[in-house]
Amino acid sequence: MFGDREAFLNKFRTCARTRPPEHQKLSREIFEREHTKPLFAKHSLPTVHNLYSYHCCNELFKVLKYRTPISLYELFSLSKRPGKETLLISSLPSNCFVHQASSLWNTFRQMVGLYDFNMNQNAYKNKLKNKILLSQQKGDINNWEPLLNFANST
């Protein structure tokens, strides 16, 4: 994944014999690096921050759906209200996995409208990845914005 190959090859043809005399002076764009956001969008790659969110939500889905391992399942408390059986009741704010995963889960659950655990695991993974990639591609076409990470989008 190196971006636009032709632009890369043409960028460094700086020998005086290969450039016409009117293009002898090197401009600032010769020394600028290529933006990564278009490459991530083109190849459908999530950022590192969004990979963390993806894996947290994916693992939590498996724990809640299959109730294994039971020791981890017992750390989460599901809502008993009708229509909100997949809503997790968060503990006190902390940096532990239980709180972080609960917050991510409730955000994604609300975005997709996940009301039960009858969804196939592959369908869930596809929806999750698509939502993450969509939230990642918002904003400026070339510059990354930290607020557009999946964990920050509400």
N, C-alpha and C. Protein backbone atom coordinates (compact mmCIF):
# COMPACT_ATOMS: atom_id res chain seq x y z
N MET A 1 0.85 -1.17 0.00
CA MET A 1 0.00 0.00 0.00
C MET A 1 0.90 1.24 0.00
N PHE A 2 1.19 1.74 -1.15
CA PHE A 2 2.07 2.89 -1.26
C PHE A 2 1.38 4.07 -1.92
N GLY A 3 0.08 4.04 -2.09
CA GLY A 3 -0.62 5.16 -2.67
C GLY A 3 -0.54 5.16 -4.18
N ASP A 4 -0.46 6.32 -4.76
CA ASP A 4 -0.43 6.49 -6.20
C ASP A 4 0.99 6.25 -6.71
N ARG A 5 1.20 5.12 -7.36
CA ARG A 5 2.53 4.73 -7.80
C ARG A 5 3.11 5.69 -8.84
N GLU A 6 2.30 6.10 -9.80
CA GLU A 6 2.79 7.01 -10.84
C GLU A 6 3.21 8.35 -10.27
N ALA A 7 2.39 8.88 -9.36
CA ALA A 7 2.74 10.16 -8.74
C ALA A 7 4.03 10.02 -7.94
N PHE A 8 4.20 8.89 -7.27
CA PHE A 8 5.41 8.66 -6.49
C PHE A 8 6.64 8.60 -7.40
N LEU A 9 6.52 7.87 -8.50
CA LEU A 9 7.65 7.74 -9.42
C LEU A 9 8.00 9.07 -10.07
N ASN A 10 7.00 9.87 -10.41
CA ASN A 10 7.25 11.17 -11.05
C ASN A 10 7.75 12.22 -10.06
N LYS A 11 7.44 12.03 -8.81
CA LYS A 11 7.76 13.02 -7.79
C LYS A 11 9.28 13.21 -7.63
N PHE A 12 10.02 12.15 -7.74
CA PHE A 12 11.45 12.22 -7.45
C PHE A 12 12.32 12.18 -8.70
N ARG A 13 11.79 12.52 -9.83
CA ARG A 13 12.60 12.65 -11.04
C ARG A 13 13.17 14.07 -11.05
N THR A 14 14.19 14.24 -10.26
CA THR A 14 14.73 15.59 -10.05
C THR A 14 16.03 15.84 -10.80
N CYS A 15 16.49 14.89 -11.55
CA CYS A 15 17.73 15.08 -12.31
C CYS A 15 17.50 16.18 -13.35
N ALA A 16 18.45 17.08 -13.50
CA ALA A 16 18.31 18.20 -14.42
C ALA A 16 18.11 17.75 -15.86
N ARG A 17 18.63 16.60 -16.22
CA ARG A 17 18.48 16.12 -17.59
C ARG A 17 17.07 15.63 -17.87
N THR A 18 16.31 15.22 -16.82
CA THR A 18 14.96 14.70 -17.05
C THR A 18 13.89 15.77 -16.95
N ARG A 19 14.25 16.97 -16.46
CA ARG A 19 13.27 18.04 -16.33
C ARG A 19 13.54 19.13 -17.35
N PRO A 20 12.46 19.65 -17.94
CA PRO A 20 12.66 20.79 -18.84
C PRO A 20 13.17 22.00 -18.06
N PRO A 21 13.83 22.92 -18.69
CA PRO A 21 14.42 24.07 -17.98
C PRO A 21 13.41 24.89 -17.17
N GLU A 22 12.16 25.01 -17.63
CA GLU A 22 11.19 25.81 -16.88
C GLU A 22 10.73 25.13 -15.59
N HIS A 23 11.04 23.86 -15.42
CA HIS A 23 10.67 23.12 -14.21
C HIS A 23 11.89 22.73 -13.38
N GLN A 24 12.97 23.46 -13.52
CA GLN A 24 14.19 23.14 -12.80
C GLN A 24 14.09 23.43 -11.31
N LYS A 25 13.26 24.39 -10.92
CA LYS A 25 13.15 24.77 -9.52
C LYS A 25 12.20 23.81 -8.80
N LEU A 26 12.65 23.24 -7.69
CA LEU A 26 11.82 22.30 -6.95
C LEU A 26 10.84 23.06 -6.06
N SER A 27 9.61 22.63 -6.07
CA SER A 27 8.57 23.30 -5.28
C SER A 27 8.40 22.59 -3.94
N ARG A 28 7.57 23.18 -3.11
CA ARG A 28 7.32 22.65 -1.76
C ARG A 28 6.65 21.27 -1.80
N GLU A 29 5.80 21.05 -2.80
CA GLU A 29 5.08 19.77 -2.84
C GLU A 29 5.98 18.57 -3.08
N ILE A 30 7.18 18.78 -3.58
CA ILE A 30 8.15 17.68 -3.73
C ILE A 30 8.49 17.10 -2.37
N PHE A 31 8.51 17.94 -1.34
CA PHE A 31 8.97 17.51 -0.02
C PHE A 31 7.82 17.16 0.93
N GLU A 32 6.56 17.25 0.49
CA GLU A 32 5.42 16.91 1.34
C GLU A 32 5.12 15.42 1.25
N ARG A 33 4.71 14.88 2.36
CA ARG A 33 4.32 13.47 2.38
C ARG A 33 2.89 13.32 1.90
N GLU A 34 2.59 12.13 1.43
CA GLU A 34 1.24 11.84 0.96
C GLU A 34 0.31 11.66 2.15
N HIS A 35 -0.94 12.09 2.02
CA HIS A 35 -1.92 11.93 3.09
C HIS A 35 -2.33 10.46 3.20
N THR A 36 -2.56 10.01 4.43
CA THR A 36 -2.91 8.60 4.64
C THR A 36 -4.40 8.34 4.66
N LYS A 37 -5.20 9.35 4.97
CA LYS A 37 -6.64 9.13 5.08
C LYS A 37 -7.26 8.60 3.78
N PRO A 38 -6.92 9.14 2.61
CA PRO A 38 -7.48 8.56 1.38
C PRO A 38 -7.07 7.10 1.16
N LEU A 39 -5.86 6.74 1.59
CA LEU A 39 -5.42 5.35 1.44
C LEU A 39 -6.22 4.42 2.34
N PHE A 40 -6.47 4.85 3.58
CA PHE A 40 -7.27 4.04 4.49
C PHE A 40 -8.68 3.88 3.95
N ALA A 41 -9.25 4.93 3.37
CA ALA A 41 -10.60 4.87 2.81
C ALA A 41 -10.63 3.96 1.58
N LYS A 42 -9.63 4.07 0.72
CA LYS A 42 -9.59 3.27 -0.51
C LYS A 42 -9.51 1.78 -0.21
N HIS A 43 -8.73 1.41 0.80
CA HIS A 43 -8.53 0.00 1.12
C HIS A 43 -9.41 -0.49 2.27
N SER A 44 -10.33 0.35 2.74
CA SER A 44 -11.26 0.01 3.83
C SER A 44 -10.53 -0.49 5.06
N LEU A 45 -9.58 0.30 5.53
CA LEU A 45 -8.81 -0.05 6.72
C LEU A 45 -9.20 0.85 7.88
N PRO A 46 -9.47 0.28 9.04
CA PRO A 46 -9.74 1.11 10.22
C PRO A 46 -8.43 1.59 10.85
N THR A 47 -8.50 2.70 11.55
CA THR A 47 -7.33 3.21 12.25
C THR A 47 -7.07 2.37 13.50
N VAL A 48 -5.97 2.60 14.14
CA VAL A 48 -5.63 1.84 15.35
C VAL A 48 -6.67 2.07 16.44
N HIS A 49 -7.11 3.32 16.60
CA HIS A 49 -8.12 3.62 17.60
C HIS A 49 -9.42 2.88 17.31
N ASN A 50 -9.79 2.84 16.04
CA ASN A 50 -11.02 2.16 15.66
C ASN A 50 -10.87 0.64 15.69
N LEU A 51 -9.66 0.13 15.52
CA LEU A 51 -9.44 -1.31 15.68
C LEU A 51 -9.72 -1.74 17.12
N TYR A 52 -9.30 -0.90 18.06
CA TYR A 52 -9.57 -1.19 19.47
C TYR A 52 -11.08 -1.25 19.70
N SER A 53 -11.81 -0.28 19.18
CA SER A 53 -13.26 -0.26 19.35
C SER A 53 -13.90 -1.48 18.70
N TYR A 54 -13.43 -1.83 17.51
CA TYR A 54 -13.97 -2.99 16.79
C TYR A 54 -13.78 -4.27 17.60
N HIS A 55 -12.58 -4.48 18.10
CA HIS A 55 -12.32 -5.72 18.83
C HIS A 55 -13.03 -5.76 20.18
N CYS A 56 -13.13 -4.62 20.85
CA CYS A 56 -13.88 -4.59 22.12
C CYS A 56 -15.34 -4.96 21.89
N CYS A 57 -15.97 -4.32 20.91
CA CYS A 57 -17.38 -4.61 20.64
C CYS A 57 -17.59 -6.03 20.15
N ASN A 58 -16.67 -6.52 19.35
CA ASN A 58 -16.78 -7.88 18.83
C ASN A 58 -16.65 -8.92 19.95
N GLU A 59 -15.67 -8.74 20.81
CA GLU A 59 -15.50 -9.68 21.92
C GLU A 59 -16.67 -9.60 22.90
N LEU A 60 -17.15 -8.40 23.14
CA LEU A 60 -18.28 -8.25 24.05
C LEU A 60 -19.54 -8.89 23.48
N PHE A 61 -19.74 -8.80 22.18
CA PHE A 61 -20.88 -9.46 21.56
C PHE A 61 -20.82 -10.97 21.79
N LYS A 62 -19.64 -11.56 21.61
CA LYS A 62 -19.51 -13.00 21.82
C LYS A 62 -19.73 -13.38 23.28
N VAL A 63 -19.23 -12.55 24.18
CA VAL A 63 -19.41 -12.85 25.61
C VAL A 63 -20.89 -12.77 25.98
N LEU A 64 -21.58 -11.74 25.50
CA LEU A 64 -22.98 -11.56 25.86
C LEU A 64 -23.89 -12.56 25.16
N LYS A 65 -23.57 -12.90 23.94
CA LYS A 65 -24.43 -13.84 23.19
C LYS A 65 -24.28 -15.28 23.68
N TYR A 66 -23.04 -15.71 23.83
CA TYR A 66 -22.81 -17.11 24.19
C TYR A 66 -22.62 -17.32 25.69
N ARG A 67 -22.52 -16.23 26.44
CA ARG A 67 -22.37 -16.26 27.90
C ARG A 67 -21.16 -17.08 28.35
N THR A 68 -20.12 -16.99 27.56
CA THR A 68 -18.86 -17.65 27.92
C THR A 68 -17.72 -16.67 27.68
N PRO A 69 -16.72 -16.65 28.46
CA PRO A 69 -16.57 -17.31 29.74
C PRO A 69 -17.51 -16.68 30.78
N ILE A 70 -18.06 -17.52 31.60
CA ILE A 70 -19.06 -17.08 32.56
C ILE A 70 -18.49 -16.06 33.55
N SER A 71 -17.22 -16.21 33.88
CA SER A 71 -16.61 -15.26 34.82
C SER A 71 -16.58 -13.84 34.24
N LEU A 72 -16.38 -13.71 32.94
CA LEU A 72 -16.40 -12.40 32.30
C LEU A 72 -17.84 -11.93 32.08
N TYR A 73 -18.72 -12.84 31.73
CA TYR A 73 -20.13 -12.49 31.51
C TYR A 73 -20.75 -11.91 32.78
N GLU A 74 -20.39 -12.42 33.93
CA GLU A 74 -20.97 -11.97 35.19
C GLU A 74 -20.53 -10.55 35.58
N LEU A 75 -19.48 -10.04 34.96
CA LEU A 75 -19.03 -8.68 35.25
C LEU A 75 -19.94 -7.62 34.63
N PHE A 76 -20.71 -7.99 33.62
CA PHE A 76 -21.60 -7.06 32.93
C PHE A 76 -23.02 -7.24 33.43
N SER A 77 -23.74 -6.14 33.54
CA SER A 77 -25.14 -6.23 33.95
C SER A 77 -26.02 -5.67 32.83
N LEU A 78 -26.90 -6.52 32.32
CA LEU A 78 -27.80 -6.15 31.25
C LEU A 78 -29.06 -5.51 31.84
N SER A 79 -29.65 -4.62 31.07
CA SER A 79 -30.87 -3.95 31.51
C SER A 79 -32.03 -4.95 31.49
N LYS A 80 -32.96 -4.76 32.39
CA LYS A 80 -34.14 -5.64 32.46
C LYS A 80 -35.36 -4.97 31.84
N ARG A 81 -35.21 -3.73 31.35
CA ARG A 81 -36.35 -3.01 30.78
C ARG A 81 -36.74 -3.63 29.44
N PRO A 82 -38.02 -3.72 29.18
CA PRO A 82 -38.48 -4.29 27.90
C PRO A 82 -38.03 -3.43 26.72
N GLY A 83 -37.52 -4.09 25.69
CA GLY A 83 -37.03 -3.39 24.50
C GLY A 83 -35.60 -2.93 24.61
N LYS A 84 -35.02 -3.06 25.79
CA LYS A 84 -33.63 -2.63 25.98
C LYS A 84 -32.82 -3.76 26.63
N GLU A 85 -33.07 -4.98 26.20
CA GLU A 85 -32.39 -6.13 26.79
C GLU A 85 -30.90 -6.17 26.47
N THR A 86 -30.47 -5.45 25.44
CA THR A 86 -29.06 -5.46 25.08
C THR A 86 -28.31 -4.25 25.64
N LEU A 87 -28.99 -3.39 26.36
CA LEU A 87 -28.36 -2.22 26.96
C LEU A 87 -27.57 -2.65 28.19
N LEU A 88 -26.32 -2.22 28.27
CA LEU A 88 -25.49 -2.55 29.42
C LEU A 88 -25.52 -1.41 30.42
N ILE A 89 -25.67 -1.76 31.68
CA ILE A 89 -25.63 -0.77 32.75
C ILE A 89 -24.18 -0.62 33.15
N SER A 90 -23.65 0.58 32.94
CA SER A 90 -22.23 0.83 33.18
C SER A 90 -21.93 0.98 34.66
N SER A 91 -20.74 0.57 35.00
CA SER A 91 -20.27 0.77 36.36
C SER A 91 -19.71 2.19 36.48
N LEU A 92 -19.05 2.49 37.54
CA LEU A 92 -18.44 3.80 37.71
C LEU A 92 -17.38 4.00 36.64
N PRO A 93 -17.22 5.23 36.14
CA PRO A 93 -16.23 5.48 35.09
C PRO A 93 -14.81 5.08 35.51
N SER A 94 -14.16 4.32 34.66
CA SER A 94 -12.78 3.90 34.91
C SER A 94 -12.15 3.51 33.58
N ASN A 95 -10.89 3.10 33.64
CA ASN A 95 -10.18 2.68 32.43
C ASN A 95 -10.19 1.17 32.25
N CYS A 96 -10.95 0.45 33.05
CA CYS A 96 -10.97 -1.01 32.94
C CYS A 96 -11.81 -1.43 31.73
N PHE A 97 -11.61 -2.66 31.31
CA PHE A 97 -12.29 -3.18 30.13
C PHE A 97 -13.80 -3.17 30.28
N VAL A 98 -14.30 -3.47 31.46
CA VAL A 98 -15.75 -3.57 31.66
C VAL A 98 -16.43 -2.24 31.36
N HIS A 99 -15.89 -1.16 31.90
CA HIS A 99 -16.52 0.15 31.65
C HIS A 99 -16.31 0.61 30.21
N GLN A 100 -15.10 0.48 29.68
CA GLN A 100 -14.82 0.93 28.32
C GLN A 100 -15.65 0.16 27.29
N ALA A 101 -15.70 -1.14 27.45
CA ALA A 101 -16.46 -1.97 26.51
C ALA A 101 -17.96 -1.70 26.63
N SER A 102 -18.45 -1.46 27.84
CA SER A 102 -19.87 -1.15 28.03
C SER A 102 -20.24 0.15 27.33
N SER A 103 -19.39 1.16 27.44
CA SER A 103 -19.65 2.44 26.79
C SER A 103 -19.65 2.30 25.27
N LEU A 104 -18.65 1.58 24.75
CA LEU A 104 -18.60 1.35 23.30
C LEU A 104 -19.81 0.55 22.83
N TRP A 105 -20.17 -0.47 23.59
CA TRP A 105 -21.30 -1.32 23.24
C TRP A 105 -22.59 -0.51 23.17
N ASN A 106 -22.84 0.33 24.18
CA ASN A 106 -24.07 1.12 24.20
C ASN A 106 -24.12 2.12 23.05
N THR A 107 -22.97 2.65 22.67
CA THR A 107 -22.91 3.58 21.53
C THR A 107 -23.27 2.85 20.24
N PHE A 108 -22.64 1.71 20.02
CA PHE A 108 -22.90 0.97 18.79
C PHE A 108 -24.30 0.41 18.76
N ARG A 109 -24.77 -0.10 19.89
CA ARG A 109 -26.11 -0.67 19.99
C ARG A 109 -27.15 0.36 19.58
N GLN A 110 -26.96 1.59 20.01
CA GLN A 110 -27.89 2.67 19.69
C GLN A 110 -27.80 3.05 18.20
N MET A 111 -26.60 3.06 17.64
CA MET A 111 -26.42 3.43 16.24
C MET A 111 -27.08 2.43 15.30
N VAL A 112 -27.01 1.15 15.63
CA VAL A 112 -27.51 0.10 14.75
C VAL A 112 -28.95 -0.30 15.09
N GLY A 113 -29.33 -0.14 16.32
CA GLY A 113 -30.66 -0.59 16.76
C GLY A 113 -30.64 -2.08 17.07
N LEU A 114 -29.64 -2.53 17.80
CA LEU A 114 -29.48 -3.93 18.17
C LEU A 114 -30.30 -4.20 19.43
N TYR A 115 -31.43 -4.89 19.27
CA TYR A 115 -32.34 -5.08 20.40
C TYR A 115 -32.37 -6.50 20.95
N ASP A 116 -31.70 -7.43 20.28
CA ASP A 116 -31.59 -8.79 20.81
C ASP A 116 -30.30 -9.42 20.28
N PHE A 117 -30.01 -10.59 20.77
CA PHE A 117 -28.77 -11.27 20.39
C PHE A 117 -29.01 -12.35 19.34
N ASN A 118 -30.08 -12.23 18.56
CA ASN A 118 -30.39 -13.22 17.53
C ASN A 118 -29.57 -13.01 16.26
N MET A 119 -28.86 -11.91 16.16
CA MET A 119 -28.08 -11.62 14.96
C MET A 119 -26.91 -12.59 14.84
N ASN A 120 -26.66 -13.01 13.61
CA ASN A 120 -25.51 -13.86 13.29
C ASN A 120 -24.23 -13.08 13.58
N GLN A 121 -23.21 -13.78 14.03
CA GLN A 121 -21.95 -13.11 14.39
C GLN A 121 -21.30 -12.45 13.18
N ASN A 122 -21.34 -13.07 12.00
CA ASN A 122 -20.75 -12.47 10.81
C ASN A 122 -21.51 -11.22 10.37
N ALA A 123 -22.83 -11.26 10.48
CA ALA A 123 -23.62 -10.08 10.14
C ALA A 123 -23.31 -8.94 11.11
N TYR A 124 -23.13 -9.28 12.37
CA TYR A 124 -22.78 -8.28 13.37
C TYR A 124 -21.42 -7.65 13.06
N LYS A 125 -20.44 -8.48 12.72
CA LYS A 125 -19.10 -7.97 12.41
C LYS A 125 -19.13 -7.05 11.20
N ASN A 126 -19.91 -7.41 10.19
CA ASN A 126 -20.02 -6.57 8.99
C ASN A 126 -20.65 -5.22 9.32
N LYS A 127 -21.73 -5.23 10.09
CA LYS A 127 -22.37 -3.97 10.47
C LYS A 127 -21.43 -3.11 11.28
N LEU A 128 -20.74 -3.73 12.21
CA LEU A 128 -19.80 -3.01 13.07
C LEU A 128 -18.68 -2.37 12.24
N LYS A 129 -18.10 -3.15 11.35
CA LYS A 129 -17.00 -2.63 10.52
C LYS A 129 -17.49 -1.50 9.61
N ASN A 130 -18.67 -1.66 9.02
CA ASN A 130 -19.20 -0.62 8.13
C ASN A 130 -19.47 0.68 8.90
N LYS A 131 -20.03 0.58 10.09
CA LYS A 131 -20.28 1.78 10.90
C LYS A 131 -18.98 2.47 11.27
N ILE A 132 -17.98 1.68 11.63
CA ILE A 132 -16.68 2.25 12.00
C ILE A 132 -16.05 2.95 10.80
N LEU A 133 -16.07 2.32 9.63
CA LEU A 133 -15.47 2.93 8.45
C LEU A 133 -16.21 4.19 8.03
N LEU A 134 -17.54 4.19 8.17
CA LEU A 134 -18.31 5.38 7.82
C LEU A 134 -17.99 6.54 8.75
N SER A 135 -17.88 6.27 10.04
CA SER A 135 -17.56 7.36 10.98
C SER A 135 -16.13 7.84 10.79
N GLN A 136 -15.27 6.97 10.35
CA GLN A 136 -13.86 7.33 10.13
C GLN A 136 -13.69 8.21 8.90
N GLN A 137 -14.56 8.06 7.90
CA GLN A 137 -14.41 8.80 6.65
C GLN A 137 -15.05 10.18 6.68
N LYS A 138 -15.75 10.52 7.73
CA LYS A 138 -16.38 11.84 7.82
C LYS A 138 -15.32 12.91 7.98
N GLY A 139 -15.72 14.14 7.75
CA GLY A 139 -14.80 15.25 7.96
C GLY A 139 -13.95 15.54 6.74
N ASP A 140 -12.82 16.18 6.97
CA ASP A 140 -11.90 16.58 5.91
C ASP A 140 -11.40 15.34 5.16
N ILE A 141 -11.25 15.48 3.85
CA ILE A 141 -10.87 14.34 3.02
C ILE A 141 -9.43 13.89 3.25
N ASN A 142 -8.56 14.81 3.70
CA ASN A 142 -7.14 14.47 3.85
C ASN A 142 -6.66 14.40 5.29
N ASN A 143 -7.27 15.11 6.20
CA ASN A 143 -6.76 15.21 7.56
C ASN A 143 -7.60 14.39 8.53
N TRP A 144 -6.91 13.71 9.43
CA TRP A 144 -7.58 12.92 10.46
C TRP A 144 -8.10 13.85 11.55
N GLU A 145 -9.27 13.55 12.04
CA GLU A 145 -9.85 14.31 13.14
C GLU A 145 -10.12 13.33 14.28
N PRO A 146 -9.49 13.52 15.43
CA PRO A 146 -9.66 12.57 16.54
C PRO A 146 -11.10 12.42 16.99
N LEU A 147 -11.90 13.46 16.84
CA LEU A 147 -13.30 13.37 17.27
C LEU A 147 -14.13 12.45 16.40
N LEU A 148 -13.59 12.06 15.24
CA LEU A 148 -14.34 11.18 14.36
C LEU A 148 -14.00 9.71 14.55
N ASN A 149 -13.23 9.39 15.56
CA ASN A 149 -13.02 7.99 15.89
C ASN A 149 -14.35 7.41 16.35
N PHE A 150 -14.55 6.14 16.12
CA PHE A 150 -15.83 5.50 16.42
C PHE A 150 -16.21 5.67 17.89
N ALA A 151 -15.25 5.60 18.78
CA ALA A 151 -15.54 5.70 20.21
C ALA A 151 -16.06 7.08 20.58
N ASN A 152 -15.72 8.10 19.80
CA ASN A 152 -16.15 9.46 20.10
C ASN A 152 -17.42 9.87 19.39
N SER A 153 -17.87 9.07 18.41
CA SER A 153 -19.08 9.45 17.66
C SER A 153 -20.31 8.97 18.41
N THR A 154 -21.24 9.86 18.55
CA THR A 154 -22.49 9.50 19.24
C THR A 154 -23.68 9.79 18.39
